[in-house]
Amino acid sequence: MANTRQIKSLIDGLSFTEGPRWHEGRLWFSDFYTSRVLAVGADGQAETMAEVAEQPSGIGFLPDGDALIVSMRDRRILRRSADGSLSEHANLWDLAPWHLNDMVVDGQGRAWVGNFGYDLMGGAPLQTTNLIRVDPDGKAESVADGLAFPNGMVITPDGSTLVVAESFGQCLTAFDISMNGSLDNRRLWARLGEDTGTTDVHEFMARASFVPDGICLDAGGAIWAADALGQRAVRIAEGGEFLDQVNAGTGVFACTLGGSGGKTLFMCTAPSFAEDDRKNTRDAAILYTDVDVAHAGSP
């Protein structure tokens, strides 16, 4: 799986980016420490789509075209209307034990939202947390627990399966989505590393093999996963076989497929993920390269 592709830069001068989504001919993404959601075209020209003071993260789109945006620190989901105005779609303060994280929105407008579960940046011990579903009317409930830092998520094209990247579980976990939005039949989709035997984040990072962050699904049923440790994005088959790999030469923390044919792999890159390192720097970038299999499912 030697990386022979040409990798180009779409945009640089960013703080730390997450939640890349290809939408209506442009790449939307969150830039954490400038508190902005941006959309950038193939020409590299960026437009600020929203300003989120409490740090934006996951992004999704409702059936009517409005955008949902995670506001991390105050644990809210914001709704951006077509005129650019922001309103509160859901308040998850009582359901999420710590900052919200990534999110995926299905074709019915239901959003699944992860959270840190604990004070990661403050050095608290690793612990598991829950996954929250937000319905189109803004009502929310916890639908799964015991997840080791639920991060990127995808939903299959038929809407029947949700796959969650458990960053500190070093795995991808699948659920069946029932008609009423409950999650059933939890199962291992891919094991990416073995138990490190520690709850200390620094020891975990030293011992871990693969820390899956943002993910996306392709038409072959494989998942591209950003490896927050390995400076790469890896295409993974159900069961865990590595099918392809793109080495970025810098940290890769999220990825998505897009472009005119859905075969452009966009990668959110930065030298590291630590808040103290990134918040006052502007050396993050969006890199991209061509791959063989097009996008599928959500996001």
C-alpha atoms as a PDB file:
ATOM      1  CA  MET A   1       0.000   0.000   0.000  1.00  0.00           C
ATOM      2  CA  ALA A   2       2.722   2.444  -0.921  1.00  0.00           C
ATOM      3  CA  ASN A   3       1.489   5.993  -1.201  1.00  0.00           C
ATOM      4  CA  THR A   4       2.209   7.058  -4.790  1.00  0.00           C
ATOM      5  CA  ARG A   5      -0.584   9.591  -5.177  1.00  0.00           C
ATOM      6  CA  GLN A   6      -0.026  13.277  -5.565  1.00  0.00           C
ATOM      7  CA  ILE A   7      -1.239  15.156  -2.500  1.00  0.00           C
ATOM      8  CA  LYS A   8      -2.205  18.803  -2.887  1.00  0.00           C
ATOM      9  CA  SER A   9      -3.254  21.572  -0.503  1.00  0.00           C
ATOM     10  CA  LEU A  10      -6.752  22.995  -0.832  1.00  0.00           C
ATOM     11  CA  ILE A  11      -6.377  25.638   1.893  1.00  0.00           C
ATOM     12  CA  ASP A  12      -3.902  26.361   4.682  1.00  0.00           C
ATOM     13  CA  GLY A  13      -3.361  28.959   7.418  1.00  0.00           C
ATOM     14  CA  LEU A  14      -5.942  27.270   9.667  1.00  0.00           C
ATOM     15  CA  SER A  15      -5.913  26.458  13.402  1.00  0.00           C
ATOM     16  CA  PHE A  16      -7.329  22.910  13.686  1.00  0.00           C
ATOM     17  CA  THR A  17      -9.993  21.551  11.372  1.00  0.00           C
ATOM     18  CA  GLU A  18     -12.674  18.902  11.815  1.00  0.00           C
ATOM     19  CA  GLY A  19     -16.015  17.816  10.360  1.00  0.00           C
ATOM     20  CA  PRO A  20     -15.256  18.024   6.615  1.00  0.00           C
ATOM     21  CA  ARG A  21     -18.404  17.662   4.497  1.00  0.00           C
ATOM     22  CA  TRP A  22     -18.764  17.965   0.722  1.00  0.00           C
ATOM     23  CA  HIS A  23     -21.946  19.938   0.068  1.00  0.00           C
ATOM     24  CA  GLU A  24     -23.213  21.633  -3.078  1.00  0.00           C
ATOM     25  CA  GLY A  25     -19.842  21.812  -4.770  1.00  0.00           C
ATOM     26  CA  ARG A  26     -17.802  23.014  -1.812  1.00  0.00           C
ATOM     27  CA  LEU A  27     -16.065  21.535   1.211  1.00  0.00           C
ATOM     28  CA  TRP A  28     -17.537  22.678   4.512  1.00  0.00           C
ATOM     29  CA  PHE A  29     -15.477  22.242   7.681  1.00  0.00           C
ATOM     30  CA  SER A  30     -14.992  23.622  11.189  1.00  0.00           C
ATOM     31  CA  ASP A  31     -11.872  25.538  12.229  1.00  0.00           C
ATOM     32  CA  PHE A  32     -11.796  25.061  15.997  1.00  0.00           C
ATOM     33  CA  TYR A  33      -9.782  27.953  17.352  1.00  0.00           C
ATOM     34  CA  THR A  34     -10.949  30.660  14.972  1.00  0.00           C
ATOM     35  CA  SER A  35     -14.551  29.671  15.872  1.00  0.00           C
ATOM     36  CA  ARG A  36     -15.623  29.459  12.243  1.00  0.00           C
ATOM     37  CA  VAL A  37     -17.375  27.107   9.875  1.00  0.00           C
ATOM     38  CA  LEU A  38     -15.918  27.630   6.421  1.00  0.00           C
ATOM     39  CA  ALA A  39     -16.841  26.504   2.917  1.00  0.00           C
ATOM     40  CA  VAL A  40     -14.106  26.373   0.303  1.00  0.00           C
ATOM     41  CA  GLY A  41     -14.331  25.694  -3.412  1.00  0.00           C
ATOM     42  CA  ALA A  42     -11.899  23.958  -5.707  1.00  0.00           C
ATOM     43  CA  ASP A  43     -10.189  27.328  -6.262  1.00  0.00           C
ATOM     44  CA  GLY A  44      -9.266  27.534  -2.576  1.00  0.00           C
ATOM     45  CA  GLN A  45     -11.489  30.537  -1.971  1.00  0.00           C
ATOM     46  CA  ALA A  46     -13.117  30.278   1.471  1.00  0.00           C
ATOM     47  CA  GLU A  47     -16.341  31.776   2.793  1.00  0.00           C
ATOM     48  CA  THR A  48     -17.280  31.964   6.463  1.00  0.00           C
ATOM     49  CA  MET A  49     -20.642  30.209   6.779  1.00  0.00           C
ATOM     50  CA  ALA A  50     -21.058  30.574  10.558  1.00  0.00           C
ATOM     51  CA  GLU A  51     -19.267  31.880  13.621  1.00  0.00           C
ATOM     52  CA  VAL A  52     -19.606  29.605  16.652  1.00  0.00           C
ATOM     53  CA  ALA A  53     -18.111  31.175  19.758  1.00  0.00           C
ATOM     54  CA  GLU A  54     -18.078  27.948  21.789  1.00  0.00           C
ATOM     55  CA  GLN A  55     -16.061  26.042  19.149  1.00  0.00           C
ATOM     56  CA  PRO A  56     -17.658  24.328  16.129  1.00  0.00           C
ATOM     57  CA  SER A  57     -17.113  20.676  15.272  1.00  0.00           C
ATOM     58  CA  GLY A  58     -19.433  18.201  13.496  1.00  0.00           C
ATOM     59  CA  ILE A  59     -21.577  19.407  10.601  1.00  0.00           C
ATOM     60  CA  GLY A  60     -24.606  17.880   8.871  1.00  0.00           C
ATOM     61  CA  PHE A  61     -27.418  18.920   6.574  1.00  0.00           C
ATOM     62  CA  LEU A  62     -31.163  18.573   7.044  1.00  0.00           C
ATOM     63  CA  PRO A  63     -33.485  17.499   4.210  1.00  0.00           C
ATOM     64  CA  ASP A  64     -34.496  21.142   3.664  1.00  0.00           C
ATOM     65  CA  GLY A  65     -30.849  22.179   3.204  1.00  0.00           C
ATOM     66  CA  ASP A  66     -30.334  23.886   6.569  1.00  0.00           C
ATOM     67  CA  ALA A  67     -27.036  23.027   8.230  1.00  0.00           C
ATOM     68  CA  LEU A  68     -26.663  21.594  11.722  1.00  0.00           C
ATOM     69  CA  ILE A  69     -23.449  22.571  13.527  1.00  0.00           C
ATOM     70  CA  VAL A  70     -22.059  21.204  16.779  1.00  0.00           C
ATOM     71  CA  SER A  71     -21.216  23.899  19.332  1.00  0.00           C
ATOM     72  CA  MET A  72     -18.784  21.948  21.463  1.00  0.00           C
ATOM     73  CA  ARG A  73     -18.240  23.744  24.740  1.00  0.00           C
ATOM     74  CA  ASP A  74     -21.836  24.711  25.523  1.00  0.00           C
ATOM     75  CA  ARG A  75     -23.088  21.332  24.240  1.00  0.00           C
ATOM     76  CA  ARG A  76     -25.606  22.672  21.767  1.00  0.00           C
ATOM     77  CA  ILE A  77     -26.579  21.873  18.197  1.00  0.00           C
ATOM     78  CA  LEU A  78     -27.064  25.017  16.145  1.00  0.00           C
ATOM     79  CA  ARG A  79     -29.144  25.346  13.001  1.00  0.00           C
ATOM     80  CA  ARG A  80     -27.959  27.561  10.164  1.00  0.00           C
ATOM     81  CA  SER A  81     -30.827  28.672   7.945  1.00  0.00           C
ATOM     82  CA  ALA A  82     -30.535  29.546   4.257  1.00  0.00           C
ATOM     83  CA  ASP A  83     -30.229  33.251   5.137  1.00  0.00           C
ATOM     84  CA  GLY A  84     -27.183  32.502   7.315  1.00  0.00           C
ATOM     85  CA  SER A  85     -28.912  33.051  10.660  1.00  0.00           C
ATOM     86  CA  LEU A  86     -28.154  30.709  13.571  1.00  0.00           C
ATOM     87  CA  SER A  87     -30.649  29.321  16.079  1.00  0.00           C
ATOM     88  CA  GLU A  88     -30.572  26.616  18.724  1.00  0.00           C
ATOM     89  CA  HIS A  89     -31.725  23.276  17.382  1.00  0.00           C
ATOM     90  CA  ALA A  90     -31.006  21.241  20.538  1.00  0.00           C
ATOM     91  CA  ASN A  91     -29.412  21.724  23.954  1.00  0.00           C
ATOM     92  CA  LEU A  92     -27.582  18.580  25.104  1.00  0.00           C
ATOM     93  CA  TRP A  93     -26.094  19.927  28.326  1.00  0.00           C
ATOM     94  CA  ASP A  94     -28.024  17.469  30.514  1.00  0.00           C
ATOM     95  CA  LEU A  95     -27.236  14.464  28.300  1.00  0.00           C
ATOM     96  CA  ALA A  96     -23.553  14.915  27.404  1.00  0.00           C
ATOM     97  CA  PRO A  97     -21.033  14.744  30.275  1.00  0.00           C
ATOM     98  CA  TRP A  98     -18.417  16.845  28.446  1.00  0.00           C
ATOM     99  CA  HIS A  99     -17.768  18.730  25.197  1.00  0.00           C
ATOM    100  CA  LEU A 100     -19.693  17.582  22.135  1.00  0.00           C
ATOM    101  CA  ASN A 101     -17.677  16.154  19.283  1.00  0.00           C
ATOM    102  CA  ASP A 102     -18.529  14.896  15.783  1.00  0.00           C
ATOM    103  CA  MET A 103     -22.003  14.311  14.332  1.00  0.00           C
ATOM    104  CA  VAL A 104     -23.726  12.594  11.425  1.00  0.00           C
ATOM    105  CA  VAL A 105     -27.199  13.483  10.095  1.00  0.00           C
ATOM    106  CA  ASP A 106     -29.368  10.958   8.239  1.00  0.00           C
ATOM    107  CA  GLY A 107     -31.833  11.433   5.412  1.00  0.00           C
ATOM    108  CA  GLN A 108     -34.702  11.920   7.854  1.00  0.00           C
ATOM    109  CA  GLY A 109     -32.916  14.758   9.630  1.00  0.00           C
ATOM    110  CA  ARG A 110     -31.981  12.755  12.715  1.00  0.00           C
ATOM    111  CA  ALA A 111     -28.559  13.592  14.127  1.00  0.00           C
ATOM    112  CA  TRP A 112     -26.258  11.291  16.076  1.00  0.00           C
ATOM    113  CA  VAL A 113     -23.827  13.224  18.246  1.00  0.00           C
ATOM    114  CA  GLY A 114     -20.757  12.064  20.179  1.00  0.00           C
ATOM    115  CA  ASN A 115     -18.995  13.727  23.087  1.00  0.00           C
ATOM    116  CA  PHE A 116     -15.628  13.591  24.846  1.00  0.00           C
ATOM    117  CA  GLY A 117     -17.065  12.181  28.065  1.00  0.00           C
ATOM    118  CA  TYR A 118     -14.374  13.806  30.228  1.00  0.00           C
ATOM    119  CA  ASP A 119     -11.781  16.589  30.275  1.00  0.00           C
ATOM    120  CA  LEU A 120      -9.388  15.217  27.658  1.00  0.00           C
ATOM    121  CA  MET A 121      -7.377  18.403  27.233  1.00  0.00           C
ATOM    122  CA  GLY A 122      -7.087  18.762  31.018  1.00  0.00           C
ATOM    123  CA  GLY A 123      -5.512  15.318  31.343  1.00  0.00           C
ATOM    124  CA  ALA A 124      -8.382  13.503  33.073  1.00  0.00           C
ATOM    125  CA  PRO A 125      -8.305   9.677  32.976  1.00  0.00           C
ATOM    126  CA  LEU A 126      -9.861   8.015  29.940  1.00  0.00           C
ATOM    127  CA  GLN A 127     -13.447   6.906  30.415  1.00  0.00           C
ATOM    128  CA  THR A 128     -16.352   5.857  28.240  1.00  0.00           C
ATOM    129  CA  THR A 129     -19.359   7.966  27.341  1.00  0.00           C
ATOM    130  CA  ASN A 130     -22.655   7.958  25.470  1.00  0.00           C
ATOM    131  CA  LEU A 131     -24.043   8.674  22.017  1.00  0.00           C
ATOM    132  CA  ILE A 132     -27.017  11.012  21.643  1.00  0.00           C
ATOM    133  CA  ARG A 133     -29.720  11.077  18.968  1.00  0.00           C
ATOM    134  CA  VAL A 134     -31.372  14.404  18.150  1.00  0.00           C
ATOM    135  CA  ASP A 135     -34.667  14.171  16.275  1.00  0.00           C
ATOM    136  CA  PRO A 136     -35.730  16.699  13.610  1.00  0.00           C
ATOM    137  CA  ASP A 137     -37.838  18.568  16.176  1.00  0.00           C
ATOM    138  CA  GLY A 138     -34.826  18.998  18.469  1.00  0.00           C
ATOM    139  CA  LYS A 139     -35.838  16.414  21.048  1.00  0.00           C
ATOM    140  CA  ALA A 140     -32.852  14.359  22.187  1.00  0.00           C
ATOM    141  CA  GLU A 141     -32.068  11.160  24.052  1.00  0.00           C
ATOM    142  CA  SER A 142     -29.074   8.995  24.830  1.00  0.00           C
ATOM    143  CA  VAL A 143     -29.147   5.899  22.607  1.00  0.00           C
ATOM    144  CA  ALA A 144     -25.886   4.085  23.433  1.00  0.00           C
ATOM    145  CA  ASP A 145     -23.297   4.130  26.191  1.00  0.00           C
ATOM    146  CA  GLY A 146     -19.942   2.584  27.033  1.00  0.00           C
ATOM    147  CA  LEU A 147     -18.242   4.121  23.990  1.00  0.00           C
ATOM    148  CA  ALA A 148     -14.528   4.955  24.190  1.00  0.00           C
ATOM    149  CA  PHE A 149     -14.497   8.503  22.802  1.00  0.00           C
ATOM    150  CA  PRO A 150     -17.089   8.275  19.995  1.00  0.00           C
ATOM    151  CA  ASN A 151     -15.730  10.331  17.136  1.00  0.00           C
ATOM    152  CA  GLY A 152     -16.423  10.192  13.392  1.00  0.00           C
ATOM    153  CA  MET A 153     -19.569   8.391  12.231  1.00  0.00           C
ATOM    154  CA  VAL A 154     -21.104   7.180   8.989  1.00  0.00           C
ATOM    155  CA  ILE A 155     -24.535   5.900   7.974  1.00  0.00           C
ATOM    156  CA  THR A 156     -24.916   3.413   5.131  1.00  0.00           C
ATOM    157  CA  PRO A 157     -26.826   4.515   1.999  1.00  0.00           C
ATOM    158  CA  ASP A 158     -29.930   2.516   2.962  1.00  0.00           C
ATOM    159  CA  GLY A 159     -30.016   4.216   6.367  1.00  0.00           C
ATOM    160  CA  SER A 160     -29.899   0.912   8.219  1.00  0.00           C
ATOM    161  CA  THR A 161     -26.447   0.953   9.821  1.00  0.00           C
ATOM    162  CA  LEU A 162     -24.463   3.441  11.877  1.00  0.00           C
ATOM    163  CA  VAL A 163     -20.703   2.962  12.274  1.00  0.00           C
ATOM    164  CA  VAL A 164     -18.873   4.880  14.984  1.00  0.00           C
ATOM    165  CA  ALA A 165     -15.111   5.401  15.324  1.00  0.00           C
ATOM    166  CA  GLU A 166     -14.176   4.779  18.958  1.00  0.00           C
ATOM    167  CA  SER A 167     -10.886   6.665  19.112  1.00  0.00           C
ATOM    168  CA  PHE A 168      -9.682   5.340  22.460  1.00  0.00           C
ATOM    169  CA  GLY A 169     -11.176   1.921  21.772  1.00  0.00           C
ATOM    170  CA  GLN A 170      -9.058   1.637  18.604  1.00  0.00           C
ATOM    171  CA  CYS A 171     -12.033   0.239  16.741  1.00  0.00           C
ATOM    172  CA  LEU A 172     -15.004   0.885  14.500  1.00  0.00           C
ATOM    173  CA  THR A 173     -18.322  -0.157  16.050  1.00  0.00           C
ATOM    174  CA  ALA A 174     -21.558  -0.779  14.131  1.00  0.00           C
ATOM    175  CA  PHE A 175     -25.204  -0.533  15.177  1.00  0.00           C
ATOM    176  CA  ASP A 176     -28.469  -1.316  13.412  1.00  0.00           C
ATOM    177  CA  ILE A 177     -30.724   1.747  13.238  1.00  0.00           C
ATOM    178  CA  SER A 178     -34.323   0.827  14.011  1.00  0.00           C
ATOM    179  CA  MET A 179     -37.355   2.567  12.554  1.00  0.00           C
ATOM    180  CA  ASN A 180     -37.860   4.540  15.770  1.00  0.00           C
ATOM    181  CA  GLY A 181     -34.215   5.650  15.885  1.00  0.00           C
ATOM    182  CA  SER A 182     -32.979   3.297  18.573  1.00  0.00           C
ATOM    183  CA  LEU A 183     -29.637   1.570  18.074  1.00  0.00           C
ATOM    184  CA  ASP A 184     -29.544  -2.223  18.241  1.00  0.00           C
ATOM    185  CA  ASN A 185     -27.222  -5.151  17.518  1.00  0.00           C
ATOM    186  CA  ARG A 186     -24.018  -3.458  18.612  1.00  0.00           C
ATOM    187  CA  ARG A 187     -21.024  -5.230  17.062  1.00  0.00           C
ATOM    188  CA  LEU A 188     -17.377  -4.822  16.187  1.00  0.00           C
ATOM    189  CA  TRP A 189     -16.968  -3.593  12.601  1.00  0.00           C
ATOM    190  CA  ALA A 190     -13.156  -3.477  12.672  1.00  0.00           C
ATOM    191  CA  ARG A 191     -10.544  -3.933  15.400  1.00  0.00           C
ATOM    192  CA  LEU A 192      -7.611  -1.568  14.773  1.00  0.00           C
ATOM    193  CA  GLY A 193      -5.480  -2.013  17.893  1.00  0.00           C
ATOM    194  CA  GLU A 194      -5.252  -3.958  21.127  1.00  0.00           C
ATOM    195  CA  ASP A 195      -6.107  -2.813  24.645  1.00  0.00           C
ATOM    196  CA  THR A 196      -3.317  -0.569  25.933  1.00  0.00           C
ATOM    197  CA  GLY A 197      -4.077  -1.358  29.601  1.00  0.00           C
ATOM    198  CA  THR A 198      -4.046   2.271  30.716  1.00  0.00           C
ATOM    199  CA  THR A 199      -6.432   5.165  31.373  1.00  0.00           C
ATOM    200  CA  ASP A 200      -3.674   7.779  31.105  1.00  0.00           C
ATOM    201  CA  VAL A 201      -4.007   9.588  27.763  1.00  0.00           C
ATOM    202  CA  HIS A 202      -0.253  10.066  27.299  1.00  0.00           C
ATOM    203  CA  GLU A 203       0.483   6.404  28.010  1.00  0.00           C
ATOM    204  CA  PHE A 204      -2.375   5.409  25.721  1.00  0.00           C
ATOM    205  CA  MET A 205      -0.945   7.445  22.848  1.00  0.00           C
ATOM    206  CA  ALA A 206       2.476   5.877  23.375  1.00  0.00           C
ATOM    207  CA  ARG A 207       1.063   2.335  23.260  1.00  0.00           C
ATOM    208  CA  ALA A 208      -1.787   2.597  20.752  1.00  0.00           C
ATOM    209  CA  SER A 209      -1.574   1.284  17.187  1.00  0.00           C
ATOM    210  CA  PHE A 210      -4.375   3.183  15.421  1.00  0.00           C
ATOM    211  CA  VAL A 211      -6.578   5.965  16.791  1.00  0.00           C
ATOM    212  CA  PRO A 212      -9.520   6.422  14.380  1.00  0.00           C
ATOM    213  CA  ASP A 213     -10.827   9.979  14.259  1.00  0.00           C
ATOM    214  CA  GLY A 214     -12.996  11.303  11.422  1.00  0.00           C
ATOM    215  CA  ILE A 215     -14.306   8.701   8.939  1.00  0.00           C
ATOM    216  CA  CYS A 216     -16.211   8.447   5.667  1.00  0.00           C
ATOM    217  CA  LEU A 217     -17.828   5.646   3.669  1.00  0.00           C
ATOM    218  CA  ASP A 218     -17.355   4.694   0.023  1.00  0.00           C
ATOM    219  CA  ALA A 219     -19.447   2.869  -2.557  1.00  0.00           C
ATOM    220  CA  GLY A 220     -17.470  -0.330  -2.023  1.00  0.00           C
ATOM    221  CA  GLY A 221     -18.670  -0.524   1.577  1.00  0.00           C
ATOM    222  CA  ALA A 222     -15.231   0.365   2.940  1.00  0.00           C
ATOM    223  CA  ILE A 223     -14.474   3.132   5.405  1.00  0.00           C
ATOM    224  CA  TRP A 224     -11.685   5.688   5.120  1.00  0.00           C
ATOM    225  CA  ALA A 225     -10.456   6.475   8.649  1.00  0.00           C
ATOM    226  CA  ALA A 226      -8.122   9.255   9.711  1.00  0.00           C
ATOM    227  CA  ASP A 227      -5.453   7.814  12.003  1.00  0.00           C
ATOM    228  CA  ALA A 228      -4.752  10.481  14.615  1.00  0.00           C
ATOM    229  CA  LEU A 229      -1.438   8.793  15.443  1.00  0.00           C
ATOM    230  CA  GLY A 230      -0.150   7.590  12.102  1.00  0.00           C
ATOM    231  CA  GLN A 231      -0.210  10.683   9.849  1.00  0.00           C
ATOM    232  CA  ARG A 232      -2.395   8.773   7.417  1.00  0.00           C
ATOM    233  CA  ALA A 233      -5.848   7.959   6.162  1.00  0.00           C
ATOM    234  CA  VAL A 234      -6.552   4.252   5.695  1.00  0.00           C
ATOM    235  CA  ARG A 235      -9.272   2.522   3.684  1.00  0.00           C
ATOM    236  CA  ILE A 236     -10.604  -0.343   5.810  1.00  0.00           C
ATOM    237  CA  ALA A 237     -12.884  -3.248   4.972  1.00  0.00           C
ATOM    238  CA  GLU A 238     -15.406  -4.615   7.440  1.00  0.00           C
ATOM    239  CA  GLY A 239     -13.422  -7.052   9.530  1.00  0.00           C
ATOM    240  CA  GLY A 240     -10.351  -4.826   9.631  1.00  0.00           C
ATOM    241  CA  GLU A 241      -8.368  -5.488   6.433  1.00  0.00           C
ATOM    242  CA  PHE A 242      -6.433  -2.439   5.208  1.00  0.00           C
ATOM    243  CA  LEU A 243      -7.242  -1.916   1.531  1.00  0.00           C
ATOM    244  CA  ASP A 244      -5.509   1.373   0.768  1.00  0.00           C
ATOM    245  CA  GLN A 245      -3.548   4.091   2.530  1.00  0.00           C
ATOM    246  CA  VAL A 246      -2.621   7.730   2.017  1.00  0.00           C
ATOM    247  CA  ASN A 247       0.366   9.001   3.993  1.00  0.00           C
ATOM    248  CA  ALA A 248       0.081  12.742   4.568  1.00  0.00           C
ATOM    249  CA  GLY A 249       3.394  13.461   6.287  1.00  0.00           C
ATOM    250  CA  THR A 250       1.557  15.295   9.057  1.00  0.00           C
ATOM    251  CA  GLY A 251      -1.256  14.508  11.473  1.00  0.00           C
ATOM    252  CA  VAL A 252      -4.576  13.513   9.880  1.00  0.00           C
ATOM    253  CA  PHE A 253      -7.630  14.022  12.086  1.00  0.00           C
ATOM    254  CA  ALA A 254     -10.617  13.757   9.738  1.00  0.00           C
ATOM    255  CA  CYS A 255     -11.363  12.856   6.144  1.00  0.00           C
ATOM    256  CA  THR A 256     -14.217  12.854   3.673  1.00  0.00           C
ATOM    257  CA  LEU A 257     -14.884  12.005   0.043  1.00  0.00           C
ATOM    258  CA  GLY A 258     -16.156  14.642  -2.325  1.00  0.00           C
ATOM    259  CA  GLY A 259     -15.360  16.520  -5.497  1.00  0.00           C
ATOM    260  CA  SER A 260     -17.314  16.387  -8.739  1.00  0.00           C
ATOM    261  CA  GLY A 261     -17.152  12.579  -8.967  1.00  0.00           C
ATOM    262  CA  GLY A 262     -16.979  11.830  -5.256  1.00  0.00           C
ATOM    263  CA  LYS A 263     -13.463  10.384  -5.618  1.00  0.00           C
ATOM    264  CA  THR A 264     -11.473  13.178  -3.990  1.00  0.00           C
ATOM    265  CA  LEU A 265     -10.279  12.348  -0.487  1.00  0.00           C
ATOM    266  CA  PHE A 266     -10.033  15.501   1.638  1.00  0.00           C
ATOM    267  CA  MET A 267      -7.953  15.308   4.823  1.00  0.00           C
ATOM    268  CA  CYS A 268      -7.936  17.651   7.811  1.00  0.00           C
ATOM    269  CA  THR A 269      -4.287  17.923   8.822  1.00  0.00           C
ATOM    270  CA  ALA A 270      -2.217  19.550  11.563  1.00  0.00           C
ATOM    271  CA  PRO A 271       1.054  18.773  13.368  1.00  0.00           C
ATOM    272  CA  SER A 272      -0.842  17.681  16.519  1.00  0.00           C
ATOM    273  CA  PHE A 273      -4.271  17.780  18.162  1.00  0.00           C
ATOM    274  CA  ALA A 274      -3.433  19.262  21.589  1.00  0.00           C
ATOM    275  CA  GLU A 275      -5.341  22.472  22.265  1.00  0.00           C
ATOM    276  CA  ASP A 276      -2.348  24.209  23.839  1.00  0.00           C
ATOM    277  CA  ASP A 277      -0.326  23.518  20.689  1.00  0.00           C
ATOM    278  CA  ARG A 278      -2.950  24.508  18.153  1.00  0.00           C
ATOM    279  CA  LYS A 279      -5.060  27.380  19.476  1.00  0.00           C
ATOM    280  CA  ASN A 280      -2.481  30.094  18.806  1.00  0.00           C
ATOM    281  CA  THR A 281      -1.034  28.607  15.606  1.00  0.00           C
ATOM    282  CA  ARG A 282      -2.172  28.656  11.998  1.00  0.00           C
ATOM    283  CA  ASP A 283      -0.343  25.696  10.492  1.00  0.00           C
ATOM    284  CA  ALA A 284      -3.303  23.365   9.887  1.00  0.00           C
ATOM    285  CA  ALA A 285      -4.431  22.651   6.326  1.00  0.00           C
ATOM    286  CA  ILE A 286      -6.865  20.708   4.172  1.00  0.00           C
ATOM    287  CA  LEU A 287      -5.003  18.323   1.869  1.00  0.00           C
ATOM    288  CA  TYR A 288      -6.549  16.248  -0.899  1.00  0.00           C
ATOM    289  CA  THR A 289      -5.807  13.448  -3.331  1.00  0.00           C
ATOM    290  CA  ASP A 290      -7.665  11.254  -5.818  1.00  0.00           C
ATOM    291  CA  VAL A 291      -8.829   7.756  -4.884  1.00  0.00           C
ATOM    292  CA  ASP A 292     -10.497   4.928  -6.812  1.00  0.00           C
ATOM    293  CA  VAL A 293     -13.917   4.482  -5.186  1.00  0.00           C
ATOM    294  CA  ALA A 294     -16.548   7.208  -4.832  1.00  0.00           C
ATOM    295  CA  HIS A 295     -18.359   8.480  -1.744  1.00  0.00           C
ATOM    296  CA  ALA A 296     -21.461   6.776  -0.388  1.00  0.00           C
ATOM    297  CA  GLY A 297     -23.857   7.234   2.534  1.00  0.00           C
ATOM    298  CA  SER A 298     -23.757  10.002   5.114  1.00  0.00           C
ATOM    299  CA  PRO A 299     -22.050  12.330   5.716  1.00  0.00           C
END
